[in-house]
């Protein structure tokens, strides 16, 4: 879309090929301070003793809350279309990063 066709208040977002490929993650480690939320996305592989953070997203508390709401709304729409997402029990992964939440 050219800038001439852009509506007022509309955001023009570019997505390059490398970013569009995405990064697989099967563990999220979430930390926060008074001013920000830090989401680290990790890939754990069976038999590999060390996992690496593949991507880190830093959000303001307001954006973190908006993200929570947006994910909730999308899960609701997904489940309406495809059925309930079953939450399976997974073994706890011992992580020594201090107090954290996991998703």
N, C-alpha and C. Protein backbone atom coordinates (compact mmCIF):
# COMPACT_ATOMS: atom_id res chain seq x y z
N UNK A 1 0.85 -1.18 0.00
CA UNK A 1 0.00 0.00 0.00
C UNK A 1 0.89 1.23 0.00
N UNK A 2 0.63 2.15 -0.89
CA UNK A 2 1.43 3.37 -0.92
C UNK A 2 0.93 4.32 0.16
N UNK A 3 1.79 5.26 0.52
CA UNK A 3 1.43 6.23 1.56
C UNK A 3 0.24 7.09 1.16
N UNK A 4 0.03 7.26 -0.17
CA UNK A 4 -1.08 8.08 -0.64
C UNK A 4 -2.42 7.43 -0.35
N UNK A 5 -2.48 6.08 -0.29
CA UNK A 5 -3.73 5.37 -0.06
C UNK A 5 -3.99 5.09 1.41
N UNK A 6 -3.09 5.48 2.27
CA UNK A 6 -3.22 5.17 3.70
C UNK A 6 -4.27 6.06 4.35
N UNK A 7 -5.17 5.41 5.11
CA UNK A 7 -6.23 6.12 5.81
C UNK A 7 -5.65 6.83 7.04
N UNK A 8 -6.26 7.93 7.49
CA UNK A 8 -5.80 8.59 8.71
C UNK A 8 -5.91 7.64 9.91
N UNK A 9 -4.87 7.59 10.73
CA UNK A 9 -4.86 6.73 11.90
C UNK A 9 -4.45 5.29 11.60
N UNK A 10 -4.23 4.97 10.33
CA UNK A 10 -3.83 3.62 9.94
C UNK A 10 -2.31 3.50 10.02
N UNK A 11 -1.83 2.36 10.49
CA UNK A 11 -0.40 2.13 10.62
C UNK A 11 0.06 1.24 9.48
N UNK A 12 1.14 1.62 8.83
CA UNK A 12 1.73 0.83 7.77
C UNK A 12 2.83 -0.03 8.41
N UNK A 13 2.68 -1.35 8.38
CA UNK A 13 3.61 -2.27 9.02
C UNK A 13 4.34 -3.08 7.96
N UNK A 14 5.67 -3.13 8.08
CA UNK A 14 6.49 -3.91 7.15
C UNK A 14 6.94 -5.19 7.84
N UNK A 15 6.89 -6.31 7.13
CA UNK A 15 7.34 -7.61 7.64
C UNK A 15 8.32 -8.19 6.64
N UNK A 16 9.62 -8.22 7.02
CA UNK A 16 10.62 -8.76 6.09
C UNK A 16 10.58 -10.29 6.12
N UNK A 17 11.22 -10.92 5.13
CA UNK A 17 11.15 -12.38 4.97
C UNK A 17 11.73 -13.12 6.17
N UNK A 18 12.84 -12.68 6.71
CA UNK A 18 13.47 -13.36 7.84
C UNK A 18 12.56 -13.36 9.06
N UNK A 19 11.95 -12.22 9.37
CA UNK A 19 11.04 -12.12 10.51
C UNK A 19 9.78 -12.93 10.25
N UNK A 20 9.31 -12.96 9.01
CA UNK A 20 8.09 -13.69 8.67
C UNK A 20 8.25 -15.19 8.87
N UNK A 21 9.48 -15.70 8.84
CA UNK A 21 9.72 -17.13 9.08
C UNK A 21 9.34 -17.52 10.51
N UNK A 22 9.47 -16.59 11.44
CA UNK A 22 9.13 -16.85 12.83
C UNK A 22 10.18 -17.68 13.54
N UNK A 23 9.99 -17.84 14.83
CA UNK A 23 10.89 -18.63 15.67
C UNK A 23 10.02 -19.55 16.51
N UNK A 24 10.34 -20.85 16.49
CA UNK A 24 9.58 -21.81 17.29
C UNK A 24 9.99 -21.70 18.75
N UNK A 25 9.00 -21.74 19.64
CA UNK A 25 9.25 -21.71 21.07
C UNK A 25 8.29 -22.65 21.76
N UNK A 26 8.80 -23.43 22.73
CA UNK A 26 7.92 -24.28 23.52
C UNK A 26 8.03 -23.98 25.01
N UNK A 27 8.63 -22.83 25.32
CA UNK A 27 8.72 -22.36 26.70
C UNK A 27 8.83 -20.84 26.69
N UNK A 28 8.05 -20.20 27.53
CA UNK A 28 8.15 -18.75 27.71
C UNK A 28 8.49 -18.49 29.16
N UNK A 29 9.48 -17.66 29.38
CA UNK A 29 9.86 -17.24 30.73
C UNK A 29 9.52 -15.76 30.84
N UNK A 30 8.74 -15.42 31.86
CA UNK A 30 8.24 -14.06 31.98
C UNK A 30 8.74 -13.46 33.29
N UNK A 31 9.38 -12.31 33.19
CA UNK A 31 9.83 -11.54 34.35
C UNK A 31 9.25 -10.15 34.24
N UNK A 32 9.21 -9.45 35.36
CA UNK A 32 8.74 -8.06 35.29
C UNK A 32 9.40 -7.22 36.37
N UNK A 33 9.41 -5.93 36.10
CA UNK A 33 9.83 -4.92 37.07
C UNK A 33 8.68 -3.94 37.17
N UNK A 34 8.87 -2.86 37.87
CA UNK A 34 7.81 -1.86 37.99
C UNK A 34 7.51 -1.19 36.64
N UNK A 35 8.46 -1.21 35.71
CA UNK A 35 8.28 -0.45 34.48
C UNK A 35 8.21 -1.29 33.21
N UNK A 36 8.48 -2.62 33.30
CA UNK A 36 8.45 -3.41 32.09
C UNK A 36 8.22 -4.90 32.37
N UNK A 37 7.71 -5.58 31.34
CA UNK A 37 7.59 -7.03 31.33
C UNK A 37 8.58 -7.54 30.29
N UNK A 38 9.31 -8.60 30.65
CA UNK A 38 10.27 -9.20 29.74
C UNK A 38 9.81 -10.63 29.44
N UNK A 39 9.57 -10.93 28.17
CA UNK A 39 9.15 -12.26 27.73
C UNK A 39 10.30 -12.88 26.95
N UNK A 40 10.87 -13.95 27.50
CA UNK A 40 11.92 -14.70 26.81
C UNK A 40 11.30 -15.96 26.24
N UNK A 41 11.50 -16.17 24.95
CA UNK A 41 10.98 -17.35 24.26
C UNK A 41 12.12 -18.31 24.01
N UNK A 42 11.95 -19.55 24.50
CA UNK A 42 13.01 -20.55 24.53
C UNK A 42 12.54 -21.78 23.76
N UNK A 43 13.49 -22.50 23.17
CA UNK A 43 13.21 -23.79 22.55
C UNK A 43 13.96 -24.86 23.33
N UNK A 44 13.19 -25.75 23.98
CA UNK A 44 13.76 -26.89 24.69
C UNK A 44 13.67 -28.11 23.77
N UNK A 45 14.78 -28.82 23.63
CA UNK A 45 14.77 -30.01 22.80
C UNK A 45 15.15 -31.22 23.64
N UNK A 46 14.47 -32.35 23.44
CA UNK A 46 14.78 -33.55 24.22
C UNK A 46 16.25 -33.96 24.04
N UNK A 47 16.89 -34.32 25.15
CA UNK A 47 18.26 -34.78 25.10
C UNK A 47 19.31 -33.69 24.99
N UNK A 48 18.88 -32.45 24.89
CA UNK A 48 19.83 -31.34 24.81
C UNK A 48 19.85 -30.66 26.17
N UNK A 49 20.99 -30.69 26.87
CA UNK A 49 21.04 -30.19 28.25
C UNK A 49 20.94 -28.68 28.39
N UNK A 50 21.17 -27.95 27.32
CA UNK A 50 21.16 -26.49 27.41
C UNK A 50 20.19 -25.91 26.39
N UNK A 51 19.34 -25.03 26.84
CA UNK A 51 18.39 -24.35 25.94
C UNK A 51 18.80 -22.89 25.82
N UNK A 52 18.49 -22.30 24.69
CA UNK A 52 18.84 -20.90 24.45
C UNK A 52 17.58 -20.07 24.31
N UNK A 53 17.67 -18.84 24.78
CA UNK A 53 16.61 -17.87 24.51
C UNK A 53 16.71 -17.53 23.02
N UNK A 54 15.62 -17.73 22.30
CA UNK A 54 15.59 -17.48 20.86
C UNK A 54 15.11 -16.07 20.53
N UNK A 55 14.29 -15.51 21.44
CA UNK A 55 13.75 -14.18 21.20
C UNK A 55 13.36 -13.56 22.53
N UNK A 56 13.54 -12.26 22.66
CA UNK A 56 13.15 -11.53 23.86
C UNK A 56 12.29 -10.34 23.45
N UNK A 57 11.14 -10.21 24.11
CA UNK A 57 10.24 -9.09 23.86
C UNK A 57 10.11 -8.32 25.18
N UNK A 58 10.29 -7.02 25.13
CA UNK A 58 10.18 -6.16 26.31
C UNK A 58 8.97 -5.25 26.09
N UNK A 59 8.04 -5.28 27.06
CA UNK A 59 6.78 -4.55 26.95
C UNK A 59 6.56 -3.64 28.15
N UNK A 60 5.84 -2.56 27.94
CA UNK A 60 5.37 -1.77 29.07
C UNK A 60 4.26 -2.57 29.76
N UNK A 61 3.96 -2.29 31.02
CA UNK A 61 2.85 -3.00 31.68
C UNK A 61 1.53 -2.85 30.91
N UNK A 62 1.28 -1.68 30.34
CA UNK A 62 0.04 -1.46 29.59
C UNK A 62 -0.01 -2.35 28.35
N UNK A 63 1.11 -2.46 27.64
CA UNK A 63 1.13 -3.31 26.44
C UNK A 63 1.05 -4.78 26.82
N UNK A 64 1.65 -5.16 27.95
CA UNK A 64 1.55 -6.55 28.41
C UNK A 64 0.09 -6.92 28.68
N UNK A 65 -0.65 -6.00 29.29
CA UNK A 65 -2.06 -6.26 29.58
C UNK A 65 -2.87 -6.35 28.29
N UNK A 66 -2.56 -5.48 27.32
CA UNK A 66 -3.24 -5.55 26.02
C UNK A 66 -2.93 -6.85 25.30
N UNK A 67 -1.69 -7.31 25.42
CA UNK A 67 -1.30 -8.59 24.81
C UNK A 67 -2.07 -9.74 25.44
N UNK A 68 -2.17 -9.74 26.78
CA UNK A 68 -2.94 -10.77 27.48
C UNK A 68 -4.38 -10.80 26.97
N UNK A 69 -5.01 -9.64 26.84
CA UNK A 69 -6.39 -9.56 26.36
C UNK A 69 -6.50 -10.05 24.92
N UNK A 70 -5.56 -9.65 24.07
CA UNK A 70 -5.60 -10.05 22.67
C UNK A 70 -5.40 -11.55 22.51
N UNK A 71 -4.48 -12.14 23.29
CA UNK A 71 -4.28 -13.58 23.22
C UNK A 71 -5.53 -14.31 23.71
N UNK A 72 -6.13 -13.83 24.79
CA UNK A 72 -7.36 -14.44 25.30
C UNK A 72 -8.48 -14.42 24.27
N UNK A 73 -8.65 -13.27 23.59
CA UNK A 73 -9.69 -13.17 22.57
C UNK A 73 -9.41 -14.11 21.40
N UNK A 74 -8.15 -14.22 21.01
CA UNK A 74 -7.80 -15.11 19.90
C UNK A 74 -7.96 -16.58 20.26
N UNK A 75 -7.63 -16.95 21.50
CA UNK A 75 -7.85 -18.32 21.94
C UNK A 75 -9.33 -18.64 21.93
N UNK A 76 -10.15 -17.71 22.40
CA UNK A 76 -11.60 -17.91 22.39
C UNK A 76 -12.11 -18.15 20.97
N UNK A 77 -11.69 -17.33 20.02
CA UNK A 77 -12.12 -17.50 18.62
C UNK A 77 -11.61 -18.82 18.04
N UNK A 78 -10.38 -19.18 18.37
CA UNK A 78 -9.80 -20.45 17.91
C UNK A 78 -10.63 -21.62 18.42
N UNK A 79 -10.97 -21.59 19.72
CA UNK A 79 -11.73 -22.70 20.31
C UNK A 79 -13.15 -22.77 19.75
N UNK A 80 -13.75 -21.64 19.42
CA UNK A 80 -15.06 -21.67 18.78
C UNK A 80 -14.98 -22.37 17.43
N UNK A 81 -13.90 -22.16 16.71
CA UNK A 81 -13.75 -22.74 15.37
C UNK A 81 -13.22 -24.17 15.40
N UNK A 82 -12.36 -24.51 16.37
CA UNK A 82 -11.65 -25.79 16.33
C UNK A 82 -11.85 -26.67 17.56
N UNK A 83 -12.57 -26.21 18.54
CA UNK A 83 -12.75 -26.98 19.77
C UNK A 83 -11.76 -26.56 20.85
N UNK A 84 -12.04 -27.05 22.04
CA UNK A 84 -11.23 -26.66 23.21
C UNK A 84 -9.78 -27.11 23.07
N UNK A 85 -8.87 -26.24 23.44
CA UNK A 85 -7.45 -26.59 23.49
C UNK A 85 -7.23 -27.31 24.81
N UNK A 86 -6.75 -28.54 24.73
CA UNK A 86 -6.50 -29.33 25.94
C UNK A 86 -5.15 -28.93 26.53
N UNK A 87 -5.14 -28.67 27.84
CA UNK A 87 -3.91 -28.33 28.54
C UNK A 87 -3.34 -29.60 29.13
N UNK A 88 -2.25 -30.11 28.58
CA UNK A 88 -1.66 -31.35 29.05
C UNK A 88 -0.67 -31.06 30.18
N UNK A 89 -0.56 -32.02 31.10
CA UNK A 89 0.43 -31.88 32.17
C UNK A 89 1.81 -32.09 31.60
N UNK A 90 2.69 -31.15 31.89
CA UNK A 90 4.06 -31.25 31.42
C UNK A 90 4.97 -31.25 32.64
N UNK A 91 6.06 -32.00 32.60
CA UNK A 91 6.98 -31.98 33.74
C UNK A 91 7.57 -30.59 33.94
N UNK A 92 7.75 -30.22 35.20
CA UNK A 92 8.35 -28.93 35.50
C UNK A 92 9.80 -28.91 35.04
N UNK A 93 10.19 -27.83 34.41
CA UNK A 93 11.56 -27.66 33.95
C UNK A 93 12.30 -26.87 35.01
N UNK A 94 13.37 -27.43 35.59
CA UNK A 94 14.10 -26.67 36.61
C UNK A 94 14.88 -25.52 35.97
N UNK A 95 14.51 -24.31 36.32
CA UNK A 95 15.19 -23.13 35.82
C UNK A 95 15.67 -22.30 37.00
N UNK A 96 16.86 -21.80 36.91
CA UNK A 96 17.43 -21.02 38.00
C UNK A 96 17.62 -19.57 37.58
N UNK A 97 16.52 -18.91 37.21
CA UNK A 97 16.58 -17.52 36.79
C UNK A 97 16.02 -16.58 37.86
N UNK A 98 15.79 -17.07 39.05
CA UNK A 98 15.17 -16.25 40.08
C UNK A 98 13.67 -16.35 39.96
N UNK A 99 12.93 -15.48 40.65
CA UNK A 99 11.47 -15.57 40.62
C UNK A 99 10.93 -15.24 39.24
N UNK A 100 10.20 -16.18 38.67
CA UNK A 100 9.64 -15.98 37.34
C UNK A 100 8.26 -16.60 37.26
N UNK A 101 7.57 -16.27 36.20
CA UNK A 101 6.35 -16.96 35.83
C UNK A 101 6.64 -17.72 34.56
N UNK A 102 5.91 -18.78 34.30
CA UNK A 102 6.09 -19.54 33.09
C UNK A 102 4.77 -19.68 32.37
N UNK A 103 4.86 -19.73 31.07
CA UNK A 103 3.66 -19.94 30.26
C UNK A 103 3.92 -21.03 29.26
